[in-house]
Amino acid sequence: MEHAITMTGVDMQYPGFKLDNLSLTLPTGTIMGLIGENGAGKSTTIKLILDLISRNKGDIRVLGQDNRALTKPMKEHIGVVLEECTFPDTLTPNHINRILKNIFQTWNEDQFHAYIKRFHVPADKKVKELSRGMKMKLSIAAALSHDSKLLILDEATSGLDPIVRDEMLDVFLDFMKDESHSILMSSHILSDLEKVSDYIAFMHQGKLLFSEEKDMLLDRYGVLKCTKEDLARIDPSLIQGVRQHQFGAEALVERSSLPGAWTVERATIEDIMIFFAKENGR
């Protein structure tokens, strides 16, 4: 299978928001970081992929099939972690294991318990008694325990401290050792995405501004720090966005195209996101 997810010309509209002509592709065997400000359309995109809400037009294919026609066996290969834990508050991880092994034909009980132990989630503690971070780890353990080929993660590292977040990223990288696996991962913690993603897709006000290989983005763009007068001498077509302050200016520029002996610092994914948002009417 060449692509884990393909979205083509997808529109979705409700009062106050429009997802506009979204086309997005997640190649099989890769991790895509989905970034954007609050309200940009990231969670809406994920809900559309999962067929939790209906699109107005366009095509969405998941694991090679129309997402509205996925069979139950195919759905078992999709692991999902949403921003909020969806397990009932009165259940314990032990209860959840017993329920899910009767729902998923592919459920791996030993694997689930191994993850619970690895993540230090108490197996006999009710969900309502768990911290936000523990709830996230429980959700991730479940998503990884039914032969998932595709993980869809919406703020999956939210609420986790830096040490545990790093552990979760290692878990995701272990998952990706199988070349048939893929991950779509939405997060506001851009440093996490910069560590693990192969592709970065940036959504802004309901539109996809870019979807590119992470390494190519980081190689292409840099942050130029200069005076306002110097900035005025640079070809505007080489500038993607500008921040001005009382001491001068900063600009996101295409490093290889910038003539002259300018000092250009390496841009982070956060830099690129902020400058693109400014350029496109934040």
Protein backbone atom coordinates (compact mmCIF):
# COMPACT_ATOMS: atom_id res chain seq x y z
CA MET A 1 0.00 0.00 0.00
CA GLU A 2 1.51 3.28 -1.11
CA HIS A 3 -0.46 5.67 1.08
CA ALA A 4 -1.95 5.21 4.53
CA ILE A 5 -4.19 8.29 4.14
CA THR A 6 -5.18 10.26 1.04
CA MET A 7 -7.48 13.28 1.17
CA THR A 8 -8.39 14.97 -2.13
CA GLY A 9 -10.36 18.20 -2.48
CA VAL A 10 -12.11 17.84 0.86
CA ASP A 11 -14.50 20.60 1.95
CA MET A 12 -16.43 20.75 5.20
CA GLN A 13 -18.36 23.74 6.50
CA TYR A 14 -20.30 24.64 9.61
CA PRO A 15 -21.18 28.05 11.12
CA GLY A 16 -18.02 30.08 11.67
CA PHE A 17 -15.60 27.59 10.09
CA LYS A 18 -14.75 26.15 6.70
CA LEU A 19 -12.25 23.46 5.79
CA ASP A 20 -11.31 24.53 2.30
CA ASN A 21 -10.27 22.17 -0.53
CA LEU A 22 -7.96 20.06 1.65
CA SER A 23 -5.65 17.63 -0.15
CA LEU A 24 -3.25 15.69 2.05
CA THR A 25 -1.27 12.46 1.67
CA LEU A 26 0.41 10.34 4.35
CA PRO A 27 2.81 7.86 2.70
CA THR A 28 2.88 4.41 4.25
CA GLY A 29 5.84 3.89 6.56
CA THR A 30 6.12 7.54 7.64
CA ILE A 31 5.11 9.87 10.48
CA MET A 32 3.32 13.11 9.64
CA GLY A 33 3.12 15.93 12.17
CA LEU A 34 -0.07 17.97 11.79
CA ILE A 35 0.44 21.49 13.12
CA GLY A 36 -1.53 24.72 13.36
CA GLU A 37 -3.05 27.15 15.82
CA ASN A 38 -6.19 26.39 17.83
CA GLY A 39 -9.15 26.39 15.47
CA ALA A 40 -7.00 25.79 12.38
CA GLY A 41 -8.86 22.58 11.49
CA LYS A 42 -6.55 19.84 12.80
CA SER A 43 -9.11 18.03 14.95
CA THR A 44 -11.76 18.53 12.26
CA THR A 45 -9.43 16.88 9.75
CA ILE A 46 -8.86 13.92 12.07
CA LYS A 47 -12.61 13.53 12.66
CA LEU A 48 -13.19 13.58 8.91
CA ILE A 49 -10.57 10.87 8.38
CA LEU A 50 -12.24 8.75 11.06
CA ASP A 51 -15.69 9.43 9.52
CA LEU A 52 -16.91 10.92 12.80
CA ILE A 53 -18.23 13.91 10.83
CA SER A 54 -19.34 14.12 7.20
CA ARG A 55 -17.57 16.04 4.47
CA ASN A 56 -19.43 18.24 2.01
CA LYS A 57 -17.30 17.06 -0.90
CA GLY A 58 -14.01 15.40 -1.73
CA ASP A 59 -12.47 11.97 -1.33
CA ILE A 60 -10.86 10.37 1.74
CA ARG A 61 -9.10 7.02 1.56
CA VAL A 62 -7.68 5.22 4.59
CA LEU A 63 -5.50 2.12 4.21
CA GLY A 64 -6.44 2.10 0.54
CA GLN A 65 -10.23 2.20 0.98
CA ASP A 66 -12.91 4.89 1.06
CA ASN A 67 -13.08 5.79 4.74
CA ARG A 68 -16.89 5.55 4.72
CA ALA A 69 -16.73 1.95 3.54
CA LEU A 70 -14.07 0.51 5.82
CA THR A 71 -14.93 -2.99 6.98
CA LYS A 72 -14.71 -3.92 10.66
CA PRO A 73 -11.54 -6.01 10.08
CA MET A 74 -9.91 -2.98 8.40
CA LYS A 75 -10.96 -0.65 11.23
CA GLU A 76 -9.17 -2.93 13.68
CA HIS A 77 -5.90 -1.87 12.06
CA ILE A 78 -6.46 1.79 13.00
CA GLY A 79 -5.38 2.91 16.46
CA VAL A 80 -6.81 6.22 17.68
CA VAL A 81 -5.90 8.47 20.60
CA LEU A 82 -7.99 11.63 20.85
CA GLU A 83 -7.29 14.68 22.99
CA GLU A 84 -9.55 13.44 25.79
CA CYS A 85 -9.63 9.90 27.17
CA THR A 86 -12.78 8.17 25.89
CA PHE A 87 -12.94 5.31 28.40
CA PRO A 88 -15.74 5.45 31.01
CA ASP A 89 -14.62 6.85 34.35
CA THR A 90 -15.70 3.82 36.38
CA LEU A 91 -13.62 1.26 34.45
CA THR A 92 -10.12 0.10 35.37
CA PRO A 93 -7.46 -0.96 32.83
CA ASN A 94 -8.26 -4.58 33.77
CA HIS A 95 -11.94 -3.97 32.90
CA ILE A 96 -10.94 -2.26 29.67
CA ASN A 97 -8.81 -5.22 28.68
CA ARG A 98 -11.69 -7.66 29.21
CA ILE A 99 -14.07 -5.48 27.19
CA LEU A 100 -11.73 -4.79 24.28
CA LYS A 101 -10.66 -8.41 23.84
CA ASN A 102 -14.35 -9.15 23.13
CA ILE A 103 -14.57 -6.27 20.64
CA PHE A 104 -11.32 -6.61 18.68
CA GLN A 105 -10.54 -9.88 16.95
CA THR A 106 -6.93 -8.68 16.84
CA TRP A 107 -6.73 -7.72 20.53
CA ASN A 108 -3.41 -8.72 22.13
CA GLU A 109 -3.99 -9.06 25.87
CA ASP A 110 -0.35 -9.72 26.71
CA GLN A 111 0.77 -6.68 24.75
CA PHE A 112 -1.77 -4.44 26.48
CA HIS A 113 -0.63 -5.55 29.94
CA ALA A 114 3.01 -5.12 28.89
CA TYR A 115 2.35 -1.52 27.87
CA ILE A 116 0.37 -0.82 31.04
CA LYS A 117 3.28 -2.11 33.09
CA ARG A 118 5.85 -0.23 31.01
CA PHE A 119 3.85 3.01 31.36
CA HIS A 120 3.31 2.48 35.13
CA VAL A 121 -0.47 2.70 34.82
CA PRO A 122 -2.17 0.97 37.82
CA ALA A 123 -4.20 -1.91 36.36
CA ASP A 124 -6.84 -1.84 39.12
CA LYS A 125 -7.33 1.93 39.41
CA LYS A 126 -10.46 3.55 37.95
CA VAL A 127 -10.06 5.90 35.01
CA LYS A 128 -11.53 8.80 37.03
CA GLU A 129 -8.72 8.35 39.57
CA LEU A 130 -5.96 8.59 36.98
CA SER A 131 -4.08 11.79 36.14
CA ARG A 132 -4.47 13.29 32.67
CA GLY A 133 -1.07 11.90 31.76
CA MET A 134 -1.99 8.41 32.97
CA LYS A 135 -5.22 8.53 30.97
CA MET A 136 -3.24 9.41 27.86
CA LYS A 137 -0.84 6.52 28.45
CA LEU A 138 -3.80 4.16 28.93
CA SER A 139 -5.29 5.34 25.62
CA ILE A 140 -1.96 4.88 23.84
CA ALA A 141 -1.56 1.38 25.31
CA ALA A 142 -4.99 0.41 23.98
CA ALA A 143 -4.34 1.92 20.55
CA LEU A 144 -1.14 -0.12 20.22
CA SER A 145 -2.68 -3.44 21.28
CA HIS A 146 -4.95 -4.44 18.37
CA ASP A 147 -2.56 -4.87 15.44
CA SER A 148 -2.72 -1.24 14.37
CA LYS A 149 -1.13 -0.38 11.03
CA LEU A 150 -2.12 3.28 11.29
CA LEU A 151 -2.00 5.40 14.43
CA ILE A 152 -4.00 8.63 14.50
CA LEU A 153 -2.96 10.73 17.48
CA ASP A 154 -4.65 14.01 18.42
CA GLU A 155 -2.51 15.73 21.09
CA ALA A 156 -1.41 12.31 22.36
CA THR A 157 1.53 13.72 24.34
CA SER A 158 -0.58 16.46 25.94
CA GLY A 159 -0.44 16.40 29.73
CA LEU A 160 2.74 14.34 29.86
CA ASP A 161 5.91 15.62 31.47
CA PRO A 162 9.04 15.91 29.25
CA ILE A 163 10.55 12.63 30.44
CA VAL A 164 7.39 10.62 29.80
CA ARG A 165 6.80 12.44 26.48
CA ASP A 166 10.24 11.35 25.37
CA GLU A 167 9.40 7.77 26.37
CA MET A 168 6.19 7.94 24.32
CA LEU A 169 8.11 9.20 21.29
CA ASP A 170 10.42 6.18 21.63
CA VAL A 171 7.33 3.95 21.68
CA PHE A 172 6.09 5.55 18.47
CA LEU A 173 9.50 5.11 16.83
CA ASP A 174 9.51 1.44 17.89
CA PHE A 175 6.07 1.09 16.27
CA MET A 176 7.51 2.55 13.06
CA LYS A 177 10.20 -0.11 12.78
CA ASP A 178 7.57 -2.04 10.80
CA GLU A 179 7.58 -0.40 7.36
CA SER A 180 3.86 -1.09 6.92
CA HIS A 181 3.04 1.19 9.86
CA SER A 182 2.19 4.90 9.66
CA ILE A 183 1.35 7.71 12.11
CA LEU A 184 -0.64 10.93 11.75
CA MET A 185 0.16 12.98 14.84
CA SER A 186 -1.38 16.32 15.78
CA SER A 187 0.41 18.25 18.52
CA HIS A 188 1.07 21.74 19.84
CA ILE A 189 4.40 20.47 21.20
CA LEU A 190 6.35 21.15 18.04
CA SER A 191 9.66 19.98 19.48
CA ASP A 192 8.14 16.48 19.73
CA LEU A 193 7.10 16.53 16.09
CA GLU A 194 10.50 17.85 15.06
CA LYS A 195 12.11 14.81 16.74
CA VAL A 196 10.06 12.08 15.09
CA SER A 197 8.19 13.35 12.00
CA ASP A 198 9.10 12.60 8.41
CA TYR A 199 6.55 15.12 7.09
CA ILE A 200 5.03 18.31 8.48
CA ALA A 201 1.59 19.52 7.39
CA PHE A 202 0.62 23.04 8.46
CA MET A 203 -3.02 24.04 8.66
CA HIS A 204 -4.09 27.66 9.08
CA GLN A 205 -7.64 28.98 9.21
CA GLY A 206 -9.06 25.89 7.55
CA LYS A 207 -6.50 25.70 4.76
CA LEU A 208 -3.42 23.56 4.27
CA LEU A 209 -0.52 25.97 3.74
CA PHE A 210 2.05 23.24 3.13
CA SER A 211 2.76 19.54 3.54
CA GLU A 212 6.44 18.80 3.04
CA GLU A 213 9.27 16.59 4.20
CA LYS A 214 10.51 17.90 7.54
CA ASP A 215 14.19 17.78 6.63
CA MET A 216 13.57 19.69 3.41
CA LEU A 217 11.68 22.38 5.34
CA LEU A 218 14.47 22.76 7.87
CA ASP A 219 17.11 22.86 5.11
CA ARG A 220 15.14 25.34 3.02
CA TYR A 221 14.29 28.01 5.58
CA GLY A 222 16.33 30.09 8.01
CA VAL A 223 15.75 33.08 10.26
CA LEU A 224 17.50 36.28 9.21
CA LYS A 225 18.11 38.88 11.91
CA CYS A 226 18.87 42.34 10.58
CA THR A 227 17.97 46.02 10.69
CA LYS A 228 14.73 47.23 9.14
CA GLU A 229 16.79 49.08 6.53
CA ASP A 230 18.64 45.91 5.54
CA LEU A 231 15.36 44.02 5.34
CA ALA A 232 14.01 46.58 2.87
CA ARG A 233 16.88 45.75 0.48
CA ILE A 234 15.98 42.06 0.21
CA ASP A 235 13.80 40.72 -2.61
CA PRO A 236 10.33 40.25 -1.02
CA SER A 237 9.85 36.99 -2.96
CA LEU A 238 12.58 35.42 -0.79
CA ILE A 239 10.81 36.34 2.46
CA GLN A 240 8.08 34.12 3.88
CA GLY A 241 7.23 36.20 6.94
CA VAL A 242 8.52 39.09 9.07
CA ARG A 243 8.63 40.02 12.76
CA GLN A 244 9.64 43.60 13.53
CA HIS A 245 10.66 45.00 16.91
CA GLN A 246 12.32 48.15 18.20
CA PHE A 247 15.83 46.79 17.67
CA GLY A 248 15.36 45.54 14.11
CA ALA A 249 13.62 42.71 12.30
CA GLU A 250 13.54 38.96 11.85
CA ALA A 251 12.49 37.28 8.63
CA LEU A 252 11.95 33.72 7.49
CA VAL A 253 13.95 33.38 4.27
CA GLU A 254 14.93 30.75 1.75
CA ARG A 255 18.53 30.19 2.74
CA SER A 256 19.97 29.00 -0.56
CA SER A 257 18.36 31.83 -2.53
CA LEU A 258 19.46 34.72 -0.34
CA PRO A 259 22.32 36.59 -2.01
CA GLY A 260 25.13 38.24 -0.06
CA ALA A 261 26.85 37.50 3.23
CA TRP A 262 23.85 37.54 5.54
CA THR A 263 23.85 35.72 8.88
CA VAL A 264 20.95 33.28 8.79
CA GLU A 265 20.14 31.01 11.73
CA ARG A 266 18.62 27.57 11.30
CA ALA A 267 14.82 27.74 11.60
CA THR A 268 12.80 25.42 13.83
CA ILE A 269 9.39 24.03 12.92
CA GLU A 270 7.95 26.53 15.40
CA ASP A 271 9.70 29.40 13.60
CA ILE A 272 8.34 28.24 10.26
CA MET A 273 4.81 27.90 11.62
CA ILE A 274 4.80 31.35 13.24
CA PHE A 275 6.22 33.16 10.22
CA PHE A 276 3.86 31.40 7.79
CA ALA A 277 0.91 32.34 10.00
CA LYS A 278 1.99 35.99 10.04
CA GLU A 279 2.43 36.01 6.27
CA ASN A 280 -1.00 34.46 5.76
CA GLY A 281 -3.03 36.80 7.93
CA ARG A 282 -2.95 35.47 11.47
